[in-house]
Amino acid sequence: MRPRDLRGGAAPSIIGPMQDGPLDPARHAQLAEALAQVFGPLDAAALADVESKLHWISLAGGDTLFRQGDRGDDVYVVVNGRVRAIADDPDGRVRVLEESGRGAAIGELALLTGEPRAATIVAVRDSDLVRLPKAAFDELLHRHPQAMMQLARAAAVRLPVR
């Protein structure tokens, strides 16, 4: 199946900022668990602060979140579903790099390094993610530096061994 490129027409369904309404308890628990996997344990005040800056994104299976080479101005967290990272090789072939599910950070390396996105991210099945913009990400790390350690550990595990 060829991924649908959302930039050319339809956009991901951005449900909007979290403060638009309270989440039901089960959905809130899913979100809190996913954020804790990415940033480590956050106290209630920190969690509420982060949640107020998040935007929900719903992708249908086959939708493209972003493409290799795009600017990396946001970090995404998979709340449920599954996404696949693919990259174009220099010889023109597409290579599957990894698949990620609930609690995975997506796009954090481009955000941290300022480099373009290293891969295209495609939803393997219907998936819900939250997007944290760079300014909110930087504020989170400034207020809670331990979150960077958790994020760095997860990123280091994913880097290929040479």
N, C-alpha and C. Protein backbone atom coordinates (compact mmCIF):
# COMPACT_ATOMS: atom_id res chain seq x y z
N MET A 1 0.84 -1.16 0.00
CA MET A 1 0.00 0.00 0.00
C MET A 1 0.89 1.24 0.00
N ARG A 2 0.63 2.16 -0.89
CA ARG A 2 1.38 3.41 -0.98
C ARG A 2 0.78 4.40 0.01
N PRO A 3 1.62 5.05 0.85
CA PRO A 3 1.07 5.99 1.82
C PRO A 3 0.43 7.20 1.14
N ARG A 4 -0.65 7.67 1.73
CA ARG A 4 -1.29 8.89 1.24
C ARG A 4 -0.54 10.08 1.80
N ASP A 5 -0.22 11.03 0.94
CA ASP A 5 0.49 12.23 1.39
C ASP A 5 -0.54 13.27 1.77
N LEU A 6 -0.60 13.59 3.05
CA LEU A 6 -1.61 14.51 3.54
C LEU A 6 -1.32 15.96 3.15
N ARG A 7 -0.08 16.27 2.80
CA ARG A 7 0.24 17.65 2.47
C ARG A 7 -0.39 18.06 1.15
N GLY A 8 -0.66 17.13 0.28
CA GLY A 8 -1.18 17.47 -1.03
C GLY A 8 -2.68 17.71 -1.05
N GLY A 9 -3.39 17.42 -0.01
CA GLY A 9 -4.83 17.58 -0.01
C GLY A 9 -5.35 17.61 1.40
N ALA A 10 -5.90 16.50 1.82
CA ALA A 10 -6.46 16.43 3.17
C ALA A 10 -5.34 16.54 4.19
N ALA A 11 -5.66 17.13 5.32
CA ALA A 11 -4.69 17.25 6.41
C ALA A 11 -5.05 16.25 7.49
N PRO A 12 -4.08 15.90 8.35
CA PRO A 12 -4.44 15.04 9.45
C PRO A 12 -5.56 15.70 10.24
N SER A 13 -6.40 14.91 10.82
CA SER A 13 -7.49 15.45 11.61
C SER A 13 -6.95 15.96 12.93
N ILE A 14 -6.69 17.25 13.01
CA ILE A 14 -6.21 17.84 14.25
C ILE A 14 -7.44 18.19 15.08
N ILE A 15 -7.59 17.49 16.17
CA ILE A 15 -8.76 17.68 17.01
C ILE A 15 -8.66 19.00 17.76
N GLY A 16 -7.47 19.45 18.05
CA GLY A 16 -7.30 20.76 18.66
C GLY A 16 -6.58 20.68 19.98
N PRO A 17 -6.37 21.85 20.59
CA PRO A 17 -5.67 21.89 21.87
C PRO A 17 -6.40 21.09 22.93
N MET A 18 -5.65 20.56 23.85
CA MET A 18 -6.22 19.73 24.90
C MET A 18 -7.20 20.49 25.77
N GLN A 19 -7.01 21.81 25.99
CA GLN A 19 -7.87 22.52 26.90
C GLN A 19 -9.28 22.74 26.36
N ASP A 20 -9.57 22.29 25.15
CA ASP A 20 -10.91 22.45 24.60
C ASP A 20 -11.95 21.67 25.39
N GLY A 21 -11.56 20.73 26.18
CA GLY A 21 -12.51 19.97 26.97
C GLY A 21 -11.80 18.85 27.69
N PRO A 22 -12.37 18.43 28.80
CA PRO A 22 -11.71 17.35 29.54
C PRO A 22 -11.82 16.02 28.80
N LEU A 23 -10.79 15.22 28.94
CA LEU A 23 -10.80 13.88 28.36
C LEU A 23 -11.54 12.95 29.30
N ASP A 24 -12.14 11.91 28.73
CA ASP A 24 -12.73 10.91 29.61
C ASP A 24 -11.59 10.23 30.36
N PRO A 25 -11.86 9.66 31.54
CA PRO A 25 -10.78 9.11 32.37
C PRO A 25 -9.92 8.07 31.68
N ALA A 26 -10.51 7.20 30.87
CA ALA A 26 -9.72 6.17 30.19
C ALA A 26 -8.76 6.80 29.19
N ARG A 27 -9.25 7.77 28.43
CA ARG A 27 -8.42 8.45 27.42
C ARG A 27 -7.30 9.25 28.11
N HIS A 28 -7.65 9.88 29.23
CA HIS A 28 -6.65 10.64 29.98
C HIS A 28 -5.56 9.70 30.51
N ALA A 29 -5.95 8.53 30.98
CA ALA A 29 -4.98 7.56 31.48
C ALA A 29 -4.05 7.10 30.36
N GLN A 30 -4.60 6.87 29.15
CA GLN A 30 -3.78 6.50 27.99
C GLN A 30 -2.75 7.58 27.70
N LEU A 31 -3.22 8.83 27.69
CA LEU A 31 -2.33 9.95 27.40
C LEU A 31 -1.24 10.06 28.47
N ALA A 32 -1.62 10.01 29.73
CA ALA A 32 -0.65 10.14 30.82
C ALA A 32 0.40 9.03 30.74
N GLU A 33 -0.03 7.81 30.43
CA GLU A 33 0.90 6.68 30.30
C GLU A 33 1.87 6.90 29.14
N ALA A 34 1.35 7.35 28.01
CA ALA A 34 2.20 7.59 26.84
C ALA A 34 3.21 8.70 27.12
N LEU A 35 2.77 9.78 27.75
CA LEU A 35 3.68 10.88 28.07
C LEU A 35 4.75 10.44 29.07
N ALA A 36 4.37 9.62 30.05
CA ALA A 36 5.33 9.12 31.04
C ALA A 36 6.38 8.24 30.38
N GLN A 37 6.00 7.47 29.37
CA GLN A 37 6.97 6.63 28.67
C GLN A 37 7.99 7.47 27.92
N VAL A 38 7.55 8.63 27.41
CA VAL A 38 8.45 9.49 26.65
C VAL A 38 9.27 10.40 27.55
N PHE A 39 8.62 11.05 28.52
CA PHE A 39 9.28 12.08 29.32
C PHE A 39 9.60 11.66 30.74
N GLY A 40 9.21 10.45 31.13
CA GLY A 40 9.39 10.02 32.51
C GLY A 40 8.23 10.52 33.35
N PRO A 41 8.24 10.18 34.63
CA PRO A 41 7.12 10.59 35.48
C PRO A 41 7.04 12.11 35.62
N LEU A 42 5.85 12.63 35.43
CA LEU A 42 5.59 14.05 35.61
C LEU A 42 4.59 14.22 36.73
N ASP A 43 4.80 15.22 37.59
CA ASP A 43 3.80 15.46 38.64
C ASP A 43 2.53 16.01 38.00
N ALA A 44 1.47 16.08 38.78
CA ALA A 44 0.16 16.48 38.25
C ALA A 44 0.20 17.87 37.61
N ALA A 45 0.92 18.79 38.22
CA ALA A 45 1.00 20.15 37.67
C ALA A 45 1.73 20.15 36.33
N ALA A 46 2.84 19.42 36.24
CA ALA A 46 3.60 19.35 34.99
C ALA A 46 2.78 18.67 33.90
N LEU A 47 2.08 17.61 34.26
CA LEU A 47 1.24 16.91 33.30
C LEU A 47 0.14 17.83 32.77
N ALA A 48 -0.51 18.56 33.66
CA ALA A 48 -1.57 19.49 33.24
C ALA A 48 -1.01 20.58 32.33
N ASP A 49 0.20 21.06 32.65
CA ASP A 49 0.84 22.09 31.83
C ASP A 49 1.13 21.57 30.43
N VAL A 50 1.70 20.37 30.35
CA VAL A 50 2.00 19.77 29.04
C VAL A 50 0.72 19.52 28.27
N GLU A 51 -0.28 18.97 28.93
CA GLU A 51 -1.55 18.67 28.25
C GLU A 51 -2.18 19.92 27.64
N SER A 52 -2.01 21.06 28.29
CA SER A 52 -2.62 22.29 27.77
C SER A 52 -1.98 22.75 26.47
N LYS A 53 -0.83 22.21 26.13
CA LYS A 53 -0.11 22.63 24.93
C LYS A 53 -0.15 21.60 23.80
N LEU A 54 -0.77 20.46 24.08
CA LEU A 54 -0.83 19.38 23.10
C LEU A 54 -1.97 19.57 22.11
N HIS A 55 -1.77 19.02 20.92
CA HIS A 55 -2.82 18.96 19.90
C HIS A 55 -2.97 17.51 19.49
N TRP A 56 -4.20 17.03 19.45
CA TRP A 56 -4.47 15.65 19.03
C TRP A 56 -4.41 15.58 17.51
N ILE A 57 -3.86 14.49 17.02
CA ILE A 57 -3.83 14.21 15.59
C ILE A 57 -4.31 12.78 15.40
N SER A 58 -5.29 12.61 14.54
CA SER A 58 -5.79 11.28 14.20
C SER A 58 -5.39 10.98 12.76
N LEU A 59 -4.74 9.84 12.57
CA LEU A 59 -4.33 9.41 11.24
C LEU A 59 -5.05 8.11 10.90
N ALA A 60 -5.52 8.01 9.69
CA ALA A 60 -6.06 6.75 9.19
C ALA A 60 -4.89 5.90 8.71
N GLY A 61 -5.05 4.60 8.73
CA GLY A 61 -4.01 3.73 8.22
C GLY A 61 -3.60 4.14 6.82
N GLY A 62 -2.31 4.29 6.58
CA GLY A 62 -1.79 4.70 5.28
C GLY A 62 -1.50 6.19 5.17
N ASP A 63 -2.00 7.00 6.11
CA ASP A 63 -1.74 8.44 6.08
C ASP A 63 -0.28 8.72 6.45
N THR A 64 0.26 9.78 5.87
CA THR A 64 1.62 10.22 6.15
C THR A 64 1.58 11.37 7.15
N LEU A 65 2.33 11.23 8.24
CA LEU A 65 2.41 12.30 9.24
C LEU A 65 3.36 13.40 8.77
N PHE A 66 4.57 13.00 8.37
CA PHE A 66 5.52 13.93 7.77
C PHE A 66 6.46 13.13 6.89
N ARG A 67 7.23 13.86 6.06
CA ARG A 67 8.11 13.22 5.08
C ARG A 67 9.58 13.47 5.40
N GLN A 68 10.38 12.52 4.98
CA GLN A 68 11.83 12.64 5.07
C GLN A 68 12.23 13.98 4.42
N GLY A 69 13.06 14.75 5.12
CA GLY A 69 13.51 16.03 4.60
C GLY A 69 12.70 17.23 5.09
N ASP A 70 11.50 16.99 5.66
CA ASP A 70 10.70 18.09 6.20
C ASP A 70 11.42 18.70 7.41
N ARG A 71 11.07 19.94 7.73
CA ARG A 71 11.59 20.58 8.95
C ARG A 71 10.99 19.89 10.16
N GLY A 72 11.78 19.81 11.23
CA GLY A 72 11.33 19.14 12.44
C GLY A 72 11.04 20.12 13.55
N ASP A 73 9.85 20.70 13.55
CA ASP A 73 9.49 21.72 14.53
C ASP A 73 8.60 21.21 15.65
N ASP A 74 8.26 19.95 15.65
CA ASP A 74 7.36 19.39 16.65
C ASP A 74 7.84 18.00 17.02
N VAL A 75 7.44 17.56 18.20
CA VAL A 75 7.63 16.17 18.59
C VAL A 75 6.23 15.58 18.75
N TYR A 76 6.08 14.34 18.38
CA TYR A 76 4.80 13.64 18.47
C TYR A 76 4.94 12.47 19.43
N VAL A 77 3.85 12.15 20.10
CA VAL A 77 3.81 10.98 20.98
C VAL A 77 2.64 10.12 20.51
N VAL A 78 2.91 8.83 20.29
CA VAL A 78 1.85 7.90 19.89
C VAL A 78 1.04 7.54 21.14
N VAL A 79 -0.25 7.86 21.11
CA VAL A 79 -1.13 7.53 22.22
C VAL A 79 -1.75 6.16 21.99
N ASN A 80 -2.16 5.87 20.77
CA ASN A 80 -2.57 4.52 20.39
C ASN A 80 -2.42 4.37 18.89
N GLY A 81 -2.29 3.12 18.46
CA GLY A 81 -2.07 2.84 17.06
C GLY A 81 -0.63 2.45 16.80
N ARG A 82 -0.23 2.54 15.54
CA ARG A 82 1.12 2.13 15.15
C ARG A 82 1.54 2.93 13.94
N VAL A 83 2.80 3.38 13.95
CA VAL A 83 3.36 4.12 12.82
C VAL A 83 4.65 3.45 12.37
N ARG A 84 4.99 3.67 11.12
CA ARG A 84 6.19 3.08 10.53
C ARG A 84 7.09 4.20 10.02
N ALA A 85 8.38 4.10 10.30
CA ALA A 85 9.38 5.03 9.77
C ALA A 85 10.03 4.39 8.55
N ILE A 86 9.97 5.10 7.42
CA ILE A 86 10.59 4.60 6.19
C ILE A 86 11.52 5.69 5.65
N ALA A 87 12.56 5.27 4.95
CA ALA A 87 13.52 6.23 4.39
C ALA A 87 13.91 5.80 3.00
N ASP A 88 14.16 6.80 2.16
CA ASP A 88 14.66 6.54 0.81
C ASP A 88 16.16 6.33 0.88
N ASP A 89 16.63 5.22 0.32
CA ASP A 89 18.06 4.96 0.24
C ASP A 89 18.63 5.75 -0.94
N PRO A 90 19.94 5.98 -0.95
CA PRO A 90 20.57 6.68 -2.07
C PRO A 90 20.34 5.99 -3.42
N ASP A 91 20.13 4.67 -3.39
CA ASP A 91 19.91 3.93 -4.64
C ASP A 91 18.44 3.93 -5.06
N GLY A 92 17.60 4.69 -4.35
CA GLY A 92 16.21 4.85 -4.75
C GLY A 92 15.23 3.88 -4.12
N ARG A 93 15.72 2.95 -3.32
CA ARG A 93 14.81 2.00 -2.66
C ARG A 93 14.28 2.59 -1.36
N VAL A 94 13.11 2.13 -0.97
CA VAL A 94 12.52 2.55 0.31
C VAL A 94 12.84 1.48 1.34
N ARG A 95 13.35 1.91 2.48
CA ARG A 95 13.76 1.01 3.54
C ARG A 95 12.90 1.27 4.77
N VAL A 96 12.37 0.21 5.37
CA VAL A 96 11.64 0.33 6.63
C VAL A 96 12.67 0.39 7.76
N LEU A 97 12.60 1.46 8.55
CA LEU A 97 13.55 1.64 9.64
C LEU A 97 13.05 1.02 10.94
N GLU A 98 11.78 1.29 11.26
CA GLU A 98 11.20 0.75 12.49
C GLU A 98 9.70 1.00 12.51
N GLU A 99 9.04 0.33 13.44
CA GLU A 99 7.64 0.60 13.74
C GLU A 99 7.56 0.98 15.20
N SER A 100 6.65 1.89 15.51
CA SER A 100 6.50 2.38 16.87
C SER A 100 5.03 2.39 17.25
N GLY A 101 4.78 2.09 18.53
CA GLY A 101 3.42 2.09 19.04
C GLY A 101 3.27 3.01 20.24
N ARG A 102 2.28 2.73 21.05
CA ARG A 102 1.93 3.57 22.19
C ARG A 102 3.16 3.92 23.04
N GLY A 103 3.25 5.20 23.36
CA GLY A 103 4.32 5.67 24.22
C GLY A 103 5.62 5.98 23.51
N ALA A 104 5.62 5.98 22.20
CA ALA A 104 6.84 6.28 21.45
C ALA A 104 6.87 7.75 21.06
N ALA A 105 8.05 8.35 21.16
CA ALA A 105 8.27 9.70 20.66
C ALA A 105 8.63 9.61 19.18
N ILE A 106 8.07 10.51 18.40
CA ILE A 106 8.30 10.54 16.96
C ILE A 106 8.81 11.93 16.60
N GLY A 107 9.94 12.00 15.93
CA GLY A 107 10.45 13.28 15.44
C GLY A 107 11.30 14.05 16.42
N GLU A 108 11.65 13.44 17.55
CA GLU A 108 12.41 14.17 18.56
C GLU A 108 13.84 14.46 18.12
N LEU A 109 14.46 13.59 17.32
CA LEU A 109 15.84 13.83 16.91
C LEU A 109 15.95 15.07 16.02
N ALA A 110 15.04 15.23 15.08
CA ALA A 110 15.07 16.43 14.22
C ALA A 110 14.81 17.68 15.05
N LEU A 111 13.94 17.57 16.02
CA LEU A 111 13.64 18.71 16.88
C LEU A 111 14.87 19.10 17.71
N LEU A 112 15.56 18.10 18.24
CA LEU A 112 16.74 18.36 19.08
C LEU A 112 17.94 18.85 18.28
N THR A 113 18.13 18.30 17.08
CA THR A 113 19.33 18.63 16.31
C THR A 113 19.13 19.80 15.34
N GLY A 114 17.88 20.10 14.99
CA GLY A 114 17.63 21.13 14.00
C GLY A 114 17.82 20.64 12.58
N GLU A 115 18.11 19.36 12.43
CA GLU A 115 18.29 18.76 11.10
C GLU A 115 16.91 18.42 10.51
N PRO A 116 16.84 18.25 9.18
CA PRO A 116 15.57 17.82 8.58
C PRO A 116 15.18 16.42 9.05
N ARG A 117 13.91 16.11 8.91
CA ARG A 117 13.41 14.78 9.29
C ARG A 117 14.19 13.71 8.54
N ALA A 118 14.61 12.67 9.26
CA ALA A 118 15.42 11.61 8.68
C ALA A 118 14.58 10.52 8.02
N ALA A 119 13.27 10.54 8.27
CA ALA A 119 12.41 9.48 7.74
C ALA A 119 11.01 10.03 7.48
N THR A 120 10.27 9.28 6.70
CA THR A 120 8.85 9.53 6.49
C THR A 120 8.11 8.67 7.49
N ILE A 121 7.08 9.22 8.12
CA ILE A 121 6.29 8.49 9.10
C ILE A 121 4.90 8.25 8.53
N VAL A 122 4.53 6.97 8.48
CA VAL A 122 3.25 6.54 7.91
C VAL A 122 2.49 5.73 8.96
N ALA A 123 1.20 5.99 9.08
CA ALA A 123 0.38 5.22 10.01
C ALA A 123 0.17 3.82 9.44
N VAL A 124 0.50 2.81 10.23
CA VAL A 124 0.31 1.42 9.82
C VAL A 124 -1.18 1.08 9.93
N ARG A 125 -1.83 1.62 10.95
CA ARG A 125 -3.28 1.47 11.14
C ARG A 125 -3.78 2.77 11.74
N ASP A 126 -5.08 2.90 11.91
CA ASP A 126 -5.63 4.11 12.51
C ASP A 126 -4.88 4.39 13.81
N SER A 127 -4.44 5.63 13.98
CA SER A 127 -3.59 5.98 15.10
C SER A 127 -3.93 7.37 15.63
N ASP A 128 -3.79 7.53 16.94
CA ASP A 128 -3.93 8.83 17.59
C ASP A 128 -2.59 9.22 18.17
N LEU A 129 -2.19 10.44 17.88
CA LEU A 129 -0.94 10.99 18.40
C LEU A 129 -1.24 12.35 19.01
N VAL A 130 -0.32 12.84 19.80
CA VAL A 130 -0.37 14.22 20.24
C VAL A 130 0.88 14.91 19.74
N ARG A 131 0.70 16.17 19.36
CA ARG A 131 1.81 16.98 18.87
C ARG A 131 2.15 18.02 19.92
N LEU A 132 3.44 18.11 20.25
CA LEU A 132 3.94 19.12 21.17
C LEU A 132 4.85 20.04 20.37
N PRO A 133 4.44 21.31 20.20
CA PRO A 133 5.26 22.26 19.43
C PRO A 133 6.61 22.53 20.11
N LYS A 134 7.57 22.97 19.33
CA LYS A 134 8.93 23.20 19.81
C LYS A 134 8.97 24.12 21.03
N ALA A 135 8.26 25.23 21.00
CA ALA A 135 8.30 26.17 22.13
C ALA A 135 7.83 25.49 23.42
N ALA A 136 6.76 24.70 23.33
CA ALA A 136 6.25 23.98 24.51
C ALA A 136 7.22 22.89 24.94
N PHE A 137 7.84 22.23 23.97
CA PHE A 137 8.85 21.20 24.26
C PHE A 137 10.03 21.82 25.01
N ASP A 138 10.53 22.95 24.50
CA ASP A 138 11.65 23.63 25.15
C ASP A 138 11.28 24.06 26.57
N GLU A 139 10.06 24.56 26.74
CA GLU A 139 9.60 24.97 28.07
C GLU A 139 9.53 23.78 29.02
N LEU A 140 9.02 22.64 28.53
CA LEU A 140 8.96 21.43 29.35
C LEU A 140 10.35 21.03 29.82
N LEU A 141 11.31 21.03 28.91
CA LEU A 141 12.67 20.62 29.27
C LEU A 141 13.34 21.62 30.20
N HIS A 142 13.00 22.88 30.06
CA HIS A 142 13.55 23.89 30.96
C HIS A 142 13.00 23.69 32.38
N ARG A 143 11.71 23.44 32.48
CA ARG A 143 11.08 23.27 33.80
C ARG A 143 11.35 21.90 34.41
N HIS A 144 11.53 20.89 33.56
CA HIS A 144 11.70 19.51 34.01
C HIS A 144 12.85 18.87 33.26
N PRO A 145 14.10 19.23 33.60
CA PRO A 145 15.26 18.72 32.85
C PRO A 145 15.38 17.20 32.85
N GLN A 146 14.80 16.53 33.85
CA GLN A 146 14.86 15.07 33.88
C GLN A 146 14.13 14.45 32.69
N ALA A 147 13.20 15.19 32.10
CA ALA A 147 12.48 14.68 30.92
C ALA A 147 13.44 14.47 29.76
N MET A 148 14.49 15.30 29.67
CA MET A 148 15.47 15.15 28.60
C MET A 148 16.23 13.83 28.73
N MET A 149 16.54 13.42 29.94
CA MET A 149 17.25 12.15 30.13
C MET A 149 16.42 10.97 29.63
N GLN A 150 15.15 10.96 29.95
CA GLN A 150 14.26 9.88 29.49
C GLN A 150 14.19 9.87 27.97
N LEU A 151 14.03 11.04 27.39
CA LEU A 151 13.94 11.17 25.93
C LEU A 151 15.25 10.75 25.28
N ALA A 152 16.37 11.17 25.85
CA ALA A 152 17.69 10.83 25.30
C ALA A 152 17.95 9.33 25.36
N ARG A 153 17.55 8.70 26.47
CA ARG A 153 17.72 7.24 26.58
C ARG A 153 16.96 6.51 25.48
N ALA A 154 15.70 6.91 25.27
CA ALA A 154 14.88 6.27 24.26
C ALA A 154 15.46 6.49 22.86
N ALA A 155 15.94 7.69 22.59
CA ALA A 155 16.52 7.99 21.28
C ALA A 155 17.81 7.19 21.07
N ALA A 156 18.63 7.08 22.11
CA ALA A 156 19.89 6.36 21.99
C ALA A 156 19.67 4.88 21.69
N VAL A 157 18.66 4.29 22.26
CA VAL A 157 18.35 2.89 22.02
C VAL A 157 18.00 2.66 20.54
N ARG A 158 17.36 3.66 19.92
CA ARG A 158 16.93 3.51 18.54
C ARG A 158 18.03 3.77 17.53
N LEU A 159 19.11 4.45 17.92
CA LEU A 159 20.17 4.75 16.97
C LEU A 159 20.89 3.48 16.57
N PRO A 160 21.22 3.35 15.28
CA PRO A 160 21.90 2.15 14.82
C PRO A 160 23.33 2.08 15.37
N VAL A 161 23.78 0.88 15.65
CA VAL A 161 25.15 0.65 16.08
C VAL A 161 26.01 0.55 14.82
N ARG A 162 27.13 1.25 14.82
CA ARG A 162 27.99 1.23 13.62
C ARG A 162 29.17 0.34 13.81
